[in-house]
Amino acid sequence: MANTFDRITQNPNVLAGRATIRGLRISVAHVLNLVANGMTPAQVAEELPDLEENDVRQALAYSAALAKTKVTRSAKAFNEKGNRGQAERRLSSLDQVRRRCAG
């Protein structure tokens, strides 16, 4: 599978801009949670008929790619500019993605 995530979409008007599958109101996070709780891609596709197994696989690959993403600006850099809350939120979101992927 190429690293293009053509099935992963983000739209500020759908699920508050969270990553979704093909513009549907099914978030990548929801799909990951199902897999993390023991469902196979086939079971997820059966549970959510709008999805295909490849949607589930791409959601997993997308989250793995996010987990590999290097944070380029440190919390210290944000703190120096007085944006501590913003830095903490960004780092917290990234940590949440990493925990979900590792789980």
PDB file of N, CA and C in Angstrom:
ATOM      1  N   MET A   1       0.845  -1.180   0.000  1.00  0.00           N
ATOM      2  CA  MET A   1       0.000   0.000   0.000  1.00  0.00           C
ATOM      3  C   MET A   1       0.886   1.237   0.000  1.00  0.00           C
ATOM      4  N   ALA A   2       0.606   2.152  -0.879  1.00  0.00           N
ATOM      5  CA  ALA A   2       1.359   3.399  -0.924  1.00  0.00           C
ATOM      6  C   ALA A   2       1.011   4.250   0.290  1.00  0.00           C
ATOM      7  N   ASN A   3       1.866   5.208   0.584  1.00  0.00           N
ATOM      8  CA  ASN A   3       1.617   6.071   1.720  1.00  0.00           C
ATOM      9  C   ASN A   3       0.698   7.225   1.386  1.00  0.00           C
ATOM     10  N   THR A   4      -0.082   7.124   0.332  1.00  0.00           N
ATOM     11  CA  THR A   4      -1.097   8.130   0.067  1.00  0.00           C
ATOM     12  C   THR A   4      -2.355   7.673   0.774  1.00  0.00           C
ATOM     13  N   PHE A   5      -2.940   8.571   1.485  1.00  0.00           N
ATOM     14  CA  PHE A   5      -4.115   8.218   2.280  1.00  0.00           C
ATOM     15  C   PHE A   5      -5.363   8.793   1.609  1.00  0.00           C
ATOM     16  N   ASP A   6      -5.696   8.222   0.444  1.00  0.00           N
ATOM     17  CA  ASP A   6      -6.813   8.735  -0.329  1.00  0.00           C
ATOM     18  C   ASP A   6      -8.167   8.437   0.300  1.00  0.00           C
ATOM     19  N   ARG A   7      -8.218   7.530   1.243  1.00  0.00           N
ATOM     20  CA  ARG A   7      -9.475   7.217   1.915  1.00  0.00           C
ATOM     21  C   ARG A   7      -9.673   8.028   3.198  1.00  0.00           C
ATOM     22  N   ILE A   8      -8.638   8.728   3.625  1.00  0.00           N
ATOM     23  CA  ILE A   8      -8.692   9.512   4.849  1.00  0.00           C
ATOM     24  C   ILE A   8      -8.968  10.966   4.472  1.00  0.00           C
ATOM     25  N   THR A   9     -10.024  11.527   5.044  1.00  0.00           N
ATOM     26  CA  THR A   9     -10.397  12.902   4.729  1.00  0.00           C
ATOM     27  C   THR A   9     -10.560  13.708   6.007  1.00  0.00           C
ATOM     28  N   GLN A  10     -10.367  15.008   5.870  1.00  0.00           N
ATOM     29  CA  GLN A  10     -10.598  15.929   6.979  1.00  0.00           C
ATOM     30  C   GLN A  10     -11.348  17.131   6.441  1.00  0.00           C
ATOM     31  N   ASN A  11     -12.458  17.425   7.053  1.00  0.00           N
ATOM     32  CA  ASN A  11     -13.293  18.540   6.648  1.00  0.00           C
ATOM     33  C   ASN A  11     -13.763  19.218   7.932  1.00  0.00           C
ATOM     34  N   PRO A  12     -13.540  20.513   8.077  1.00  0.00           N
ATOM     35  CA  PRO A  12     -13.937  21.190   9.312  1.00  0.00           C
ATOM     36  C   PRO A  12     -15.433  21.094   9.599  1.00  0.00           C
ATOM     37  N   ASN A  13     -16.229  20.789   8.577  1.00  0.00           N
ATOM     38  CA  ASN A  13     -17.679  20.685   8.760  1.00  0.00           C
ATOM     39  C   ASN A  13     -18.156  19.262   9.058  1.00  0.00           C
ATOM     40  N   VAL A  14     -17.230  18.318   9.083  1.00  0.00           N
ATOM     41  CA  VAL A  14     -17.594  16.923   9.377  1.00  0.00           C
ATOM     42  C   VAL A  14     -16.816  16.478  10.604  1.00  0.00           C
ATOM     43  N   LEU A  15     -17.523  16.124  11.649  1.00  0.00           N
ATOM     44  CA  LEU A  15     -16.924  15.670  12.912  1.00  0.00           C
ATOM     45  C   LEU A  15     -15.851  16.639  13.417  1.00  0.00           C
ATOM     46  N   ALA A  16     -16.136  17.922  13.312  1.00  0.00           N
ATOM     47  CA  ALA A  16     -15.254  18.981  13.824  1.00  0.00           C
ATOM     48  C   ALA A  16     -13.838  18.892  13.265  1.00  0.00           C
ATOM     49  N   GLY A  17     -13.716  18.421  12.035  1.00  0.00           N
ATOM     50  CA  GLY A  17     -12.410  18.370  11.387  1.00  0.00           C
ATOM     51  C   GLY A  17     -11.575  17.159  11.714  1.00  0.00           C
ATOM     52  N   ARG A  18     -12.125  16.224  12.471  1.00  0.00           N
ATOM     53  CA  ARG A  18     -11.368  15.000  12.774  1.00  0.00           C
ATOM     54  C   ARG A  18     -11.177  14.188  11.498  1.00  0.00           C
ATOM     55  N   ALA A  19     -10.145  13.365  11.493  1.00  0.00           N
ATOM     56  CA  ALA A  19      -9.894  12.492  10.344  1.00  0.00           C
ATOM     57  C   ALA A  19     -11.033  11.480  10.240  1.00  0.00           C
ATOM     58  N   THR A  20     -11.590  11.376   9.041  1.00  0.00           N
ATOM     59  CA  THR A  20     -12.698  10.445   8.802  1.00  0.00           C
ATOM     60  C   THR A  20     -12.360   9.540   7.616  1.00  0.00           C
ATOM     61  N   ILE A  21     -13.195   8.561   7.434  1.00  0.00           N
ATOM     62  CA  ILE A  21     -13.040   7.628   6.319  1.00  0.00           C
ATOM     63  C   ILE A  21     -13.928   8.108   5.164  1.00  0.00           C
ATOM     64  N   ARG A  22     -13.299   8.430   4.040  1.00  0.00           N
ATOM     65  CA  ARG A  22     -13.991   8.812   2.800  1.00  0.00           C
ATOM     66  C   ARG A  22     -15.099   9.846   2.992  1.00  0.00           C
ATOM     67  N   GLY A  23     -14.913  10.778   3.923  1.00  0.00           N
ATOM     68  CA  GLY A  23     -15.893  11.838   4.135  1.00  0.00           C
ATOM     69  C   GLY A  23     -17.137  11.400   4.878  1.00  0.00           C
ATOM     70  N   LEU A  24     -17.182  10.134   5.257  1.00  0.00           N
ATOM     71  CA  LEU A  24     -18.313   9.631   6.030  1.00  0.00           C
ATOM     72  C   LEU A  24     -18.199  10.141   7.460  1.00  0.00           C
ATOM     73  N   ARG A  25     -19.231  10.039   8.199  1.00  0.00           N
ATOM     74  CA  ARG A  25     -19.189  10.441   9.606  1.00  0.00           C
ATOM     75  C   ARG A  25     -18.722   9.268  10.472  1.00  0.00           C
ATOM     76  N   ILE A  26     -17.658   8.652  10.004  1.00  0.00           N
ATOM     77  CA  ILE A  26     -17.001   7.564  10.733  1.00  0.00           C
ATOM     78  C   ILE A  26     -15.554   7.994  10.904  1.00  0.00           C
ATOM     79  N   SER A  27     -15.160   8.254  12.141  1.00  0.00           N
ATOM     80  CA  SER A  27     -13.810   8.774  12.370  1.00  0.00           C
ATOM     81  C   SER A  27     -12.775   7.655  12.348  1.00  0.00           C
ATOM     82  N   VAL A  28     -11.566   8.045  11.997  1.00  0.00           N
ATOM     83  CA  VAL A  28     -10.433   7.126  12.047  1.00  0.00           C
ATOM     84  C   VAL A  28     -10.271   6.626  13.484  1.00  0.00           C
ATOM     85  N   ALA A  29     -10.447   7.519  14.448  1.00  0.00           N
ATOM     86  CA  ALA A  29     -10.307   7.145  15.860  1.00  0.00           C
ATOM     87  C   ALA A  29     -11.302   6.051  16.247  1.00  0.00           C
ATOM     88  N   HIS A  30     -12.537   6.132  15.739  1.00  0.00           N
ATOM     89  CA  HIS A  30     -13.544   5.110  16.046  1.00  0.00           C
ATOM     90  C   HIS A  30     -13.125   3.753  15.475  1.00  0.00           C
ATOM     91  N   VAL A  31     -12.646   3.778  14.244  1.00  0.00           N
ATOM     92  CA  VAL A  31     -12.195   2.536  13.603  1.00  0.00           C
ATOM     93  C   VAL A  31     -11.021   1.941  14.388  1.00  0.00           C
ATOM     94  N   LEU A  32     -10.068   2.788  14.778  1.00  0.00           N
ATOM     95  CA  LEU A  32      -8.919   2.309  15.551  1.00  0.00           C
ATOM     96  C   LEU A  32      -9.358   1.722  16.890  1.00  0.00           C
ATOM     97  N   ASN A  33     -10.320   2.353  17.512  1.00  0.00           N
ATOM     98  CA  ASN A  33     -10.820   1.852  18.788  1.00  0.00           C
ATOM     99  C   ASN A  33     -11.431   0.457  18.631  1.00  0.00           C
ATOM    100  N   LEU A  34     -12.167   0.251  17.562  1.00  0.00           N
ATOM    101  CA  LEU A  34     -12.749  -1.071  17.317  1.00  0.00           C
ATOM    102  C   LEU A  34     -11.664  -2.125  17.146  1.00  0.00           C
ATOM    103  N   VAL A  35     -10.629  -1.795  16.369  1.00  0.00           N
ATOM    104  CA  VAL A  35      -9.521  -2.729  16.155  1.00  0.00           C
ATOM    105  C   VAL A  35      -8.764  -2.956  17.465  1.00  0.00           C
ATOM    106  N   ALA A  36      -8.549  -1.885  18.214  1.00  0.00           N
ATOM    107  CA  ALA A  36      -7.837  -1.997  19.495  1.00  0.00           C
ATOM    108  C   ALA A  36      -8.590  -2.890  20.475  1.00  0.00           C
ATOM    109  N   ASN A  37      -9.901  -2.969  20.305  1.00  0.00           N
ATOM    110  CA  ASN A  37     -10.709  -3.806  21.184  1.00  0.00           C
ATOM    111  C   ASN A  37     -10.936  -5.206  20.621  1.00  0.00           C
ATOM    112  N   GLY A  38     -10.127  -5.565  19.607  1.00  0.00           N
ATOM    113  CA  GLY A  38     -10.108  -6.956  19.167  1.00  0.00           C
ATOM    114  C   GLY A  38     -10.804  -7.289  17.865  1.00  0.00           C
ATOM    115  N   MET A  39     -11.430  -6.322  17.220  1.00  0.00           N
ATOM    116  CA  MET A  39     -12.115  -6.627  15.969  1.00  0.00           C
ATOM    117  C   MET A  39     -11.116  -6.677  14.816  1.00  0.00           C
ATOM    118  N   THR A  40     -11.358  -7.557  13.873  1.00  0.00           N
ATOM    119  CA  THR A  40     -10.547  -7.634  12.660  1.00  0.00           C
ATOM    120  C   THR A  40     -11.095  -6.625  11.648  1.00  0.00           C
ATOM    121  N   PRO A  41     -10.319  -6.296  10.606  1.00  0.00           N
ATOM    122  CA  PRO A  41     -10.859  -5.412   9.567  1.00  0.00           C
ATOM    123  C   PRO A  41     -12.163  -5.941   8.959  1.00  0.00           C
ATOM    124  N   ALA A  42     -12.260  -7.233   8.791  1.00  0.00           N
ATOM    125  CA  ALA A  42     -13.492  -7.821   8.250  1.00  0.00           C
ATOM    126  C   ALA A  42     -14.664  -7.609   9.203  1.00  0.00           C
ATOM    127  N   GLN A  43     -14.431  -7.766  10.492  1.00  0.00           N
ATOM    128  CA  GLN A  43     -15.497  -7.558  11.478  1.00  0.00           C
ATOM    129  C   GLN A  43     -15.927  -6.096  11.537  1.00  0.00           C
ATOM    130  N   VAL A  44     -14.957  -5.191  11.417  1.00  0.00           N
ATOM    131  CA  VAL A  44     -15.290  -3.760  11.424  1.00  0.00           C
ATOM    132  C   VAL A  44     -16.144  -3.438  10.205  1.00  0.00           C
ATOM    133  N   ALA A  45     -15.752  -3.950   9.035  1.00  0.00           N
ATOM    134  CA  ALA A  45     -16.518  -3.707   7.809  1.00  0.00           C
ATOM    135  C   ALA A  45     -17.921  -4.301   7.907  1.00  0.00           C
ATOM    136  N   GLU A  46     -18.048  -5.405   8.597  1.00  0.00           N
ATOM    137  CA  GLU A  46     -19.372  -6.014   8.794  1.00  0.00           C
ATOM    138  C   GLU A  46     -20.210  -5.171   9.757  1.00  0.00           C
ATOM    139  N   GLU A  47     -19.582  -4.653  10.803  1.00  0.00           N
ATOM    140  CA  GLU A  47     -20.267  -3.822  11.798  1.00  0.00           C
ATOM    141  C   GLU A  47     -20.671  -2.458  11.219  1.00  0.00           C
ATOM    142  N   LEU A  48     -19.830  -1.920  10.351  1.00  0.00           N
ATOM    143  CA  LEU A  48     -20.072  -0.614   9.720  1.00  0.00           C
ATOM    144  C   LEU A  48     -20.149  -0.826   8.212  1.00  0.00           C
ATOM    145  N   PRO A  49     -21.330  -1.154   7.683  1.00  0.00           N
ATOM    146  CA  PRO A  49     -21.468  -1.563   6.279  1.00  0.00           C
ATOM    147  C   PRO A  49     -20.986  -0.545   5.248  1.00  0.00           C
ATOM    148  N   ASP A  50     -20.878   0.740   5.618  1.00  0.00           N
ATOM    149  CA  ASP A  50     -20.380   1.738   4.670  1.00  0.00           C
ATOM    150  C   ASP A  50     -18.879   1.611   4.435  1.00  0.00           C
ATOM    151  N   LEU A  51     -18.199   0.864   5.301  1.00  0.00           N
ATOM    152  CA  LEU A  51     -16.747   0.710   5.190  1.00  0.00           C
ATOM    153  C   LEU A  51     -16.365  -0.564   4.455  1.00  0.00           C
ATOM    154  N   GLU A  52     -15.177  -0.515   3.878  1.00  0.00           N
ATOM    155  CA  GLU A  52     -14.558  -1.690   3.266  1.00  0.00           C
ATOM    156  C   GLU A  52     -13.351  -2.059   4.118  1.00  0.00           C
ATOM    157  N   GLU A  53     -12.896  -3.270   3.990  1.00  0.00           N
ATOM    158  CA  GLU A  53     -11.717  -3.697   4.758  1.00  0.00           C
ATOM    159  C   GLU A  53     -10.516  -2.794   4.467  1.00  0.00           C
ATOM    160  N   ASN A  54     -10.371  -2.352   3.222  1.00  0.00           N
ATOM    161  CA  ASN A  54      -9.253  -1.473   2.886  1.00  0.00           C
ATOM    162  C   ASN A  54      -9.350  -0.120   3.588  1.00  0.00           C
ATOM    163  N   ASP A  55     -10.569   0.321   3.910  1.00  0.00           N
ATOM    164  CA  ASP A  55     -10.731   1.548   4.694  1.00  0.00           C
ATOM    165  C   ASP A  55     -10.098   1.368   6.074  1.00  0.00           C
ATOM    166  N   VAL A  56     -10.350   0.224   6.665  1.00  0.00           N
ATOM    167  CA  VAL A  56      -9.821  -0.075   7.997  1.00  0.00           C
ATOM    168  C   VAL A  56      -8.292  -0.163   7.941  1.00  0.00           C
ATOM    169  N   ARG A  57      -7.786  -0.853   6.944  1.00  0.00           N
ATOM    170  CA  ARG A  57      -6.333  -0.976   6.804  1.00  0.00           C
ATOM    171  C   ARG A  57      -5.670   0.391   6.607  1.00  0.00           C
ATOM    172  N   GLN A  58      -6.310   1.244   5.817  1.00  0.00           N
ATOM    173  CA  GLN A  58      -5.728   2.560   5.598  1.00  0.00           C
ATOM    174  C   GLN A  58      -5.804   3.420   6.868  1.00  0.00           C
ATOM    175  N   ALA A  59      -6.847   3.260   7.655  1.00  0.00           N
ATOM    176  CA  ALA A  59      -6.930   3.977   8.935  1.00  0.00           C
ATOM    177  C   ALA A  59      -5.787   3.546   9.849  1.00  0.00           C
ATOM    178  N   LEU A  60      -5.468   2.267   9.850  1.00  0.00           N
ATOM    179  CA  LEU A  60      -4.345   1.772  10.654  1.00  0.00           C
ATOM    180  C   LEU A  60      -3.021   2.326  10.134  1.00  0.00           C
ATOM    181  N   ALA A  61      -2.842   2.336   8.822  1.00  0.00           N
ATOM    182  CA  ALA A  61      -1.613   2.856   8.236  1.00  0.00           C
ATOM    183  C   ALA A  61      -1.475   4.353   8.499  1.00  0.00           C
ATOM    184  N   TYR A  62      -2.593   5.074   8.428  1.00  0.00           N
ATOM    185  CA  TYR A  62      -2.597   6.512   8.693  1.00  0.00           C
ATOM    186  C   TYR A  62      -2.164   6.785  10.134  1.00  0.00           C
ATOM    187  N   SER A  63      -2.697   6.041  11.060  1.00  0.00           N
ATOM    188  CA  SER A  63      -2.327   6.263  12.464  1.00  0.00           C
ATOM    189  C   SER A  63      -0.871   5.872  12.716  1.00  0.00           C
ATOM    190  N   ALA A  64      -0.397   4.845  12.033  1.00  0.00           N
ATOM    191  CA  ALA A  64       1.017   4.470  12.168  1.00  0.00           C
ATOM    192  C   ALA A  64       1.911   5.580  11.633  1.00  0.00           C
ATOM    193  N   ALA A  65       1.501   6.184  10.523  1.00  0.00           N
ATOM    194  CA  ALA A  65       2.281   7.288   9.961  1.00  0.00           C
ATOM    195  C   ALA A  65       2.285   8.482  10.917  1.00  0.00           C
ATOM    196  N   LEU A  66       1.149   8.745  11.560  1.00  0.00           N
ATOM    197  CA  LEU A  66       1.094   9.831  12.540  1.00  0.00           C
ATOM    198  C   LEU A  66       2.009   9.547  13.725  1.00  0.00           C
ATOM    199  N   ALA A  67       2.056   8.295  14.126  1.00  0.00           N
ATOM    200  CA  ALA A  67       2.904   7.934  15.266  1.00  0.00           C
ATOM    201  C   ALA A  67       4.378   8.121  14.940  1.00  0.00           C
ATOM    202  N   LYS A  68       4.735   8.026  13.657  1.00  0.00           N
ATOM    203  CA  LYS A  68       6.125   8.205  13.245  1.00  0.00           C
ATOM    204  C   LYS A  68       6.480   9.673  13.041  1.00  0.00           C
ATOM    205  N   THR A  69       5.465  10.526  12.969  1.00  0.00           N
ATOM    206  CA  THR A  69       5.697  11.944  12.697  1.00  0.00           C
ATOM    207  C   THR A  69       6.503  12.578  13.812  1.00  0.00           C
ATOM    208  N   LYS A  70       7.540  13.267  13.414  1.00  0.00           N
ATOM    209  CA  LYS A  70       8.411  13.935  14.370  1.00  0.00           C
ATOM    210  C   LYS A  70       7.834  15.304  14.714  1.00  0.00           C
ATOM    211  N   VAL A  71       7.791  15.604  15.994  1.00  0.00           N
ATOM    212  CA  VAL A  71       7.350  16.923  16.421  1.00  0.00           C
ATOM    213  C   VAL A  71       8.497  17.883  16.148  1.00  0.00           C
ATOM    214  N   THR A  72       8.242  18.897  15.325  1.00  0.00           N
ATOM    215  CA  THR A  72       9.319  19.786  14.905  1.00  0.00           C
ATOM    216  C   THR A  72       9.498  20.981  15.832  1.00  0.00           C
ATOM    217  N   ARG A  73       8.470  21.348  16.556  1.00  0.00           N
ATOM    218  CA  ARG A  73       8.588  22.459  17.500  1.00  0.00           C
ATOM    219  C   ARG A  73       8.363  21.916  18.901  1.00  0.00           C
ATOM    220  N   SER A  74       9.288  22.153  19.748  1.00  0.00           N
ATOM    221  CA  SER A  74       9.195  21.631  21.104  1.00  0.00           C
ATOM    222  C   SER A  74       8.259  22.474  21.951  1.00  0.00           C
ATOM    223  N   ALA A  75       7.820  21.898  23.045  1.00  0.00           N
ATOM    224  CA  ALA A  75       6.983  22.634  23.988  1.00  0.00           C
ATOM    225  C   ALA A  75       7.742  23.834  24.522  1.00  0.00           C
ATOM    226  N   LYS A  76       9.056  23.709  24.655  1.00  0.00           N
ATOM    227  CA  LYS A  76       9.862  24.819  25.152  1.00  0.00           C
ATOM    228  C   LYS A  76       9.772  26.010  24.199  1.00  0.00           C
ATOM    229  N   ALA A  77       9.826  25.747  22.911  1.00  0.00           N
ATOM    230  CA  ALA A  77       9.734  26.823  21.935  1.00  0.00           C
ATOM    231  C   ALA A  77       8.386  27.522  22.034  1.00  0.00           C
ATOM    232  N   PHE A  78       7.320  26.748  22.220  1.00  0.00           N
ATOM    233  CA  PHE A  78       6.005  27.347  22.381  1.00  0.00           C
ATOM    234  C   PHE A  78       5.945  28.150  23.673  1.00  0.00           C
ATOM    235  N   ASN A  79       6.506  27.591  24.740  1.00  0.00           N
ATOM    236  CA  ASN A  79       6.469  28.268  26.026  1.00  0.00           C
ATOM    237  C   ASN A  79       7.172  29.611  25.974  1.00  0.00           C
ATOM    238  N   GLU A  80       8.275  29.675  25.259  1.00  0.00           N
ATOM    239  CA  GLU A  80       9.022  30.928  25.147  1.00  0.00           C
ATOM    240  C   GLU A  80       8.196  32.007  24.468  1.00  0.00           C
ATOM    241  N   LYS A  81       7.265  31.593  23.629  1.00  0.00           N
ATOM    242  CA  LYS A  81       6.426  32.568  22.939  1.00  0.00           C
ATOM    243  C   LYS A  81       5.114  32.797  23.687  1.00  0.00           C
ATOM    244  N   GLY A  82       4.966  32.184  24.835  1.00  0.00           N
ATOM    245  CA  GLY A  82       3.758  32.387  25.628  1.00  0.00           C
ATOM    246  C   GLY A  82       2.559  31.596  25.155  1.00  0.00           C
ATOM    247  N   ASN A  83       2.774  30.536  24.410  1.00  0.00           N
ATOM    248  CA  ASN A  83       1.682  29.717  23.880  1.00  0.00           C
ATOM    249  C   ASN A  83       1.640  28.356  24.550  1.00  0.00           C
ATOM    250  N   ARG A  84       1.824  28.329  25.834  1.00  0.00           N
ATOM    251  CA  ARG A  84       1.932  27.068  26.552  1.00  0.00           C
ATOM    252  C   ARG A  84       0.715  26.161  26.351  1.00  0.00           C
ATOM    253  N   GLY A  85      -0.466  26.713  26.466  1.00  0.00           N
ATOM    254  CA  GLY A  85      -1.669  25.898  26.315  1.00  0.00           C
ATOM    255  C   GLY A  85      -1.756  25.242  24.954  1.00  0.00           C
ATOM    256  N   GLN A  86      -1.411  25.998  23.917  1.00  0.00           N
ATOM    257  CA  GLN A  86      -1.439  25.462  22.558  1.00  0.00           C
ATOM    258  C   GLN A  86      -0.438  24.328  22.414  1.00  0.00           C
ATOM    259  N   ALA A  87       0.750  24.491  22.963  1.00  0.00           N
ATOM    260  CA  ALA A  87       1.775  23.446  22.879  1.00  0.00           C
ATOM    261  C   ALA A  87       1.312  22.197  23.599  1.00  0.00           C
ATOM    262  N   GLU A  88       0.752  22.365  24.776  1.00  0.00           N
ATOM    263  CA  GLU A  88       0.295  21.210  25.546  1.00  0.00           C
ATOM    264  C   GLU A  88      -0.821  20.476  24.826  1.00  0.00           C
ATOM    265  N   ARG A  89      -1.742  21.223  24.201  1.00  0.00           N
ATOM    266  CA  ARG A  89      -2.826  20.569  23.464  1.00  0.00           C
ATOM    267  C   ARG A  89      -2.280  19.778  22.279  1.00  0.00           C
ATOM    268  N   ARG A  90      -1.340  20.360  21.539  1.00  0.00           N
ATOM    269  CA  ARG A  90      -0.770  19.658  20.384  1.00  0.00           C
ATOM    270  C   ARG A  90      -0.024  18.408  20.815  1.00  0.00           C
ATOM    271  N   LEU A  91       0.802  18.530  21.843  1.00  0.00           N
ATOM    272  CA  LEU A  91       1.552  17.372  22.315  1.00  0.00           C
ATOM    273  C   LEU A  91       0.618  16.330  22.902  1.00  0.00           C
ATOM    274  N   SER A  92      -0.418  16.763  23.599  1.00  0.00           N
ATOM    275  CA  SER A  92      -1.387  15.838  24.176  1.00  0.00           C
ATOM    276  C   SER A  92      -2.104  15.065  23.073  1.00  0.00           C
ATOM    277  N   SER A  93      -2.512  15.746  22.000  1.00  0.00           N
ATOM    278  CA  SER A  93      -3.186  15.071  20.886  1.00  0.00           C
ATOM    279  C   SER A  93      -2.278  14.044  20.242  1.00  0.00           C
ATOM    280  N   LEU A  94      -1.025  14.391  20.039  1.00  0.00           N
ATOM    281  CA  LEU A  94      -0.070  13.465  19.444  1.00  0.00           C
ATOM    282  C   LEU A  94       0.151  12.268  20.351  1.00  0.00           C
ATOM    283  N   ASP A  95       0.250  12.504  21.654  1.00  0.00           N
ATOM    284  CA  ASP A  95       0.407  11.401  22.606  1.00  0.00           C
ATOM    285  C   ASP A  95      -0.801  10.475  22.576  1.00  0.00           C
ATOM    286  N   GLN A  96      -2.003  11.038  22.449  1.00  0.00           N
ATOM    287  CA  GLN A  96      -3.203  10.212  22.389  1.00  0.00           C
ATOM    288  C   GLN A  96      -3.172   9.302  21.171  1.00  0.00           C
ATOM    289  N   VAL A  97      -2.754   9.829  20.033  1.00  0.00           N
ATOM    290  CA  VAL A  97      -2.662   9.014  18.808  1.00  0.00           C
ATOM    291  C   VAL A  97      -1.645   7.906  19.016  1.00  0.00           C
ATOM    292  N   ARG A  98      -0.494   8.256  19.599  1.00  0.00           N
ATOM    293  CA  ARG A  98       0.546   7.245  19.820  1.00  0.00           C
ATOM    294  C   ARG A  98       0.064   6.153  20.771  1.00  0.00           C
ATOM    295  N   ARG A  99      -0.652   6.531  21.832  1.00  0.00           N
ATOM    296  CA  ARG A  99      -1.159   5.524  22.778  1.00  0.00           C
ATOM    297  C   ARG A  99      -2.152   4.595  22.104  1.00  0.00           C
ATOM    298  N   ARG A 100      -3.013   5.149  21.272  1.00  0.00           N
ATOM    299  CA  ARG A 100      -4.004   4.321  20.583  1.00  0.00           C
ATOM    300  C   ARG A 100      -3.330   3.329  19.643  1.00  0.00           C
ATOM    301  N   CYS A 101      -2.276   3.795  18.966  1.00  0.00           N
ATOM    302  CA  CYS A 101      -1.563   2.924  18.021  1.00  0.00           C
ATOM    303  C   CYS A 101      -0.792   1.843  18.748  1.00  0.00           C
ATOM    304  N   ALA A 102      -0.227   2.170  19.900  1.00  0.00           N
ATOM    305  CA  ALA A 102       0.578   1.217  20.648  1.00  0.00           C
ATOM    306  C   ALA A 102      -0.279   0.174  21.351  1.00  0.00           C
ATOM    307  N   GLY A 103      -1.522   0.551  21.667  1.00  0.00           N
ATOM    308  CA  GLY A 103      -2.417  -0.302  22.444  1.00  0.00           C
ATOM    309  C   GLY A 103      -2.738  -1.562  21.769  1.00  0.00           C
TER     310      GLY A 103
END
